[in-house]
C-alpha cells in the first residue's frame, strides 16, 4: 500500500504518525514536507473531501493568526487559498492512502486508512 504524509518534522504528532507508517508492514511511504512543498488549494480541497472534513477543520489555529484573520468562519475557498499561500496554516499531519485521507490528530487515526 502507498501512503503519502504531509509532514512537519518539528511536530511530535507528525513524527509519531510517520513512525506508525514506517513500522507498518507493506506500507510504502512518501513524505512531503508541506512547509517546503505546499499542496495546492485544489489538492487540499480533495484531501479534506476524502477525509470527510471541511477546510476549516484542517486549519491550524495554534501558533498562527488564523483566528485574527477570521479564517475559522471564512468560506472554504478563502480558507484553502490562505493555506496554499501560507502552509503554516495547515494542521498536520495529513495522510492519504488508497483507502482515503485523514487528519491524523490523534496519531492513531492513521490506522483507519491502513
C-alpha atoms as a PDB file:
ATOM      1  CA  UNK A   1       0.000   0.000   0.000  1.00  0.00           C
ATOM      2  CA  UNK A   2       1.184   3.508  -0.793  1.00  0.00           C
ATOM      3  CA  UNK A   3       0.817   6.283   1.768  1.00  0.00           C
ATOM      4  CA  UNK A   4       1.628   9.980   1.456  1.00  0.00           C
ATOM      5  CA  UNK A   5       2.123  12.077   4.566  1.00  0.00           C
ATOM      6  CA  UNK A   6       2.124  15.869   4.562  1.00  0.00           C
ATOM      7  CA  UNK A   7       4.668  16.173   7.321  1.00  0.00           C
ATOM      8  CA  UNK A   8       6.309  18.728   9.586  1.00  0.00           C
ATOM      9  CA  UNK A   9       9.437  17.182  11.144  1.00  0.00           C
ATOM     10  CA  UNK A  10       9.254  19.669  14.055  1.00  0.00           C
ATOM     11  CA  UNK A  11       5.823  18.343  15.091  1.00  0.00           C
ATOM     12  CA  UNK A  12       5.700  15.427  17.539  1.00  0.00           C
ATOM     13  CA  UNK A  13       2.326  14.183  16.299  1.00  0.00           C
ATOM     14  CA  UNK A  14       3.594  14.267  12.731  1.00  0.00           C
ATOM     15  CA  UNK A  15       6.783  12.385  13.669  1.00  0.00           C
ATOM     16  CA  UNK A  16       4.777   9.783  15.599  1.00  0.00           C
ATOM     17  CA  UNK A  17       2.349   9.293  12.702  1.00  0.00           C
ATOM     18  CA  UNK A  18       5.266   8.860  10.312  1.00  0.00           C
ATOM     19  CA  UNK A  19       6.728   6.255  12.680  1.00  0.00           C
ATOM     20  CA  UNK A  20       3.441   4.297  12.576  1.00  0.00           C
ATOM     21  CA  UNK A  21       3.540   4.370   8.777  1.00  0.00           C
ATOM     22  CA  UNK A  22       7.183   3.279   8.659  1.00  0.00           C
ATOM     23  CA  UNK A  23       6.560   0.443  11.140  1.00  0.00           C
ATOM     24  CA  UNK A  24       3.517  -0.927   9.294  1.00  0.00           C
ATOM     25  CA  UNK A  25       4.489  -3.840   7.040  1.00  0.00           C
ATOM     26  CA  UNK A  26       3.711  -3.348   3.362  1.00  0.00           C
ATOM     27  CA  UNK A  27       3.360   0.437   3.523  1.00  0.00           C
ATOM     28  CA  UNK A  28       5.445   2.430   1.056  1.00  0.00           C
ATOM     29  CA  UNK A  29       5.665   5.976   2.428  1.00  0.00           C
ATOM     30  CA  UNK A  30       6.131   9.219   0.527  1.00  0.00           C
ATOM     31  CA  UNK A  31       6.977  12.129   2.811  1.00  0.00           C
ATOM     32  CA  UNK A  32       6.143  15.674   1.727  1.00  0.00           C
ATOM     33  CA  UNK A  33       7.390  18.429   3.981  1.00  0.00           C
ATOM     34  CA  UNK A  34       4.449  20.694   3.277  1.00  0.00           C
ATOM     35  CA  UNK A  35       6.152  23.827   4.619  1.00  0.00           C
ATOM     36  CA  UNK A  36       8.762  23.424   1.856  1.00  0.00           C
ATOM     37  CA  UNK A  37       6.452  21.976  -0.820  1.00  0.00           C
ATOM     38  CA  UNK A  38       2.920  23.172  -0.044  1.00  0.00           C
ATOM     39  CA  UNK A  39      -0.078  21.478  -1.624  1.00  0.00           C
ATOM     40  CA  UNK A  40      -2.284  23.489  -3.939  1.00  0.00           C
ATOM     41  CA  UNK A  41      -5.711  24.684  -2.871  1.00  0.00           C
ATOM     42  CA  UNK A  42      -7.217  22.036  -5.183  1.00  0.00           C
ATOM     43  CA  UNK A  43      -5.153  19.254  -3.569  1.00  0.00           C
ATOM     44  CA  UNK A  44      -6.129  20.449  -0.098  1.00  0.00           C
ATOM     45  CA  UNK A  45      -9.797  20.506  -1.127  1.00  0.00           C
ATOM     46  CA  UNK A  46      -9.501  16.912  -2.376  1.00  0.00           C
ATOM     47  CA  UNK A  47      -7.713  15.748   0.793  1.00  0.00           C
ATOM     48  CA  UNK A  48     -10.315  17.290   3.091  1.00  0.00           C
ATOM     49  CA  UNK A  49     -13.177  15.974   0.965  1.00  0.00           C
ATOM     50  CA  UNK A  50     -11.638  12.473   1.096  1.00  0.00           C
ATOM     51  CA  UNK A  51     -11.157  12.845   4.866  1.00  0.00           C
ATOM     52  CA  UNK A  52     -14.783  13.892   5.294  1.00  0.00           C
ATOM     53  CA  UNK A  53     -13.899  17.208   6.923  1.00  0.00           C
ATOM     54  CA  UNK A  54     -14.239  20.861   5.998  1.00  0.00           C
ATOM     55  CA  UNK A  55     -11.211  23.016   5.218  1.00  0.00           C
ATOM     56  CA  UNK A  56     -11.934  24.862   8.457  1.00  0.00           C
ATOM     57  CA  UNK A  57     -11.398  21.593  10.391  1.00  0.00           C
ATOM     58  CA  UNK A  58      -7.997  21.299   8.684  1.00  0.00           C
ATOM     59  CA  UNK A  59      -6.993  24.824   9.680  1.00  0.00           C
ATOM     60  CA  UNK A  60      -4.189  25.201  12.187  1.00  0.00           C
ATOM     61  CA  UNK A  61      -5.203  27.699  14.859  1.00  0.00           C
ATOM     62  CA  UNK A  62      -2.442  27.224  17.437  1.00  0.00           C
ATOM     63  CA  UNK A  63       0.610  29.346  16.677  1.00  0.00           C
ATOM     64  CA  UNK A  64      -0.998  31.111  13.716  1.00  0.00           C
ATOM     65  CA  UNK A  65      -3.002  34.264  13.086  1.00  0.00           C
ATOM     66  CA  UNK A  66      -5.914  32.280  11.618  1.00  0.00           C
ATOM     67  CA  UNK A  67      -8.414  33.451  14.225  1.00  0.00           C
ATOM     68  CA  UNK A  68      -7.401  37.104  13.942  1.00  0.00           C
ATOM     69  CA  UNK A  69      -7.855  36.839  10.175  1.00  0.00           C
ATOM     70  CA  UNK A  70     -11.343  35.376  10.581  1.00  0.00           C
ATOM     71  CA  UNK A  71     -10.403  32.160   8.795  1.00  0.00           C
ATOM     72  CA  UNK A  72     -12.315  29.764  11.083  1.00  0.00           C
ATOM     73  CA  UNK A  73     -15.533  31.442   9.891  1.00  0.00           C
ATOM     74  CA  UNK A  74     -14.457  32.109   6.299  1.00  0.00           C
ATOM     75  CA  UNK A  75     -15.775  30.289   3.238  1.00  0.00           C
ATOM     76  CA  UNK A  76     -13.981  27.173   2.001  1.00  0.00           C
ATOM     77  CA  UNK A  77     -12.312  28.927  -0.925  1.00  0.00           C
ATOM     78  CA  UNK A  78     -10.813  31.623   1.282  1.00  0.00           C
ATOM     79  CA  UNK A  79      -9.501  29.086   3.786  1.00  0.00           C
ATOM     80  CA  UNK A  80      -7.981  26.901   1.070  1.00  0.00           C
ATOM     81  CA  UNK A  81      -6.357  29.896  -0.653  1.00  0.00           C
ATOM     82  CA  UNK A  82      -4.871  31.065   2.654  1.00  0.00           C
ATOM     83  CA  UNK A  83      -3.497  27.588   3.391  1.00  0.00           C
ATOM     84  CA  UNK A  84      -1.958  27.256  -0.068  1.00  0.00           C
ATOM     85  CA  UNK A  85      -0.333  30.689   0.274  1.00  0.00           C
ATOM     86  CA  UNK A  86       0.778  30.137   3.893  1.00  0.00           C
ATOM     87  CA  UNK A  87       1.241  26.416   4.557  1.00  0.00           C
ATOM     88  CA  UNK A  88       1.824  27.049   8.285  1.00  0.00           C
ATOM     89  CA  UNK A  89      -1.988  27.361   8.397  1.00  0.00           C
ATOM     90  CA  UNK A  90      -2.352  23.655   7.518  1.00  0.00           C
ATOM     91  CA  UNK A  91      -2.974  21.415  10.514  1.00  0.00           C
ATOM     92  CA  UNK A  92      -0.753  18.361  10.405  1.00  0.00           C
ATOM     93  CA  UNK A  93      -0.206  15.634   9.649  1.00  0.00           C
ATOM     94  CA  UNK A  94      -2.477  14.712   6.771  1.00  0.00           C
ATOM     95  CA  UNK A  95      -2.095  11.180   5.410  1.00  0.00           C
ATOM     96  CA  UNK A  96      -3.516   9.837   2.155  1.00  0.00           C
ATOM     97  CA  UNK A  97      -3.765   6.200   1.045  1.00  0.00           C
ATOM     98  CA  UNK A  98      -5.931   4.297  -1.421  1.00  0.00           C
ATOM     99  CA  UNK A  99      -8.460   3.973   1.420  1.00  0.00           C
ATOM    100  CA  UNK A 100      -8.857   7.728   1.878  1.00  0.00           C
ATOM    101  CA  UNK A 101      -7.287  10.606   3.729  1.00  0.00           C
ATOM    102  CA  UNK A 102      -7.172  11.597   7.383  1.00  0.00           C
ATOM    103  CA  UNK A 103      -6.016  14.479   9.508  1.00  0.00           C
ATOM    104  CA  UNK A 104      -4.089  12.303  11.950  1.00  0.00           C
ATOM    105  CA  UNK A 105      -4.744  14.055  15.234  1.00  0.00           C
ATOM    106  CA  UNK A 106      -4.513  11.915  17.247  1.00  0.00           C
ATOM    107  CA  UNK A 107      -1.828   9.858  15.507  1.00  0.00           C
ATOM    108  CA  UNK A 108      -3.833   6.624  15.869  1.00  0.00           C
ATOM    109  CA  UNK A 109      -6.335   7.974  13.344  1.00  0.00           C
ATOM    110  CA  UNK A 110      -3.937   6.831  10.620  1.00  0.00           C
ATOM    111  CA  UNK A 111      -4.979   3.203  11.305  1.00  0.00           C
ATOM    112  CA  UNK A 112      -8.406   3.983   9.773  1.00  0.00           C
ATOM    113  CA  UNK A 113      -6.837   4.189   6.307  1.00  0.00           C
ATOM    114  CA  UNK A 114      -4.207   1.443   6.526  1.00  0.00           C
END
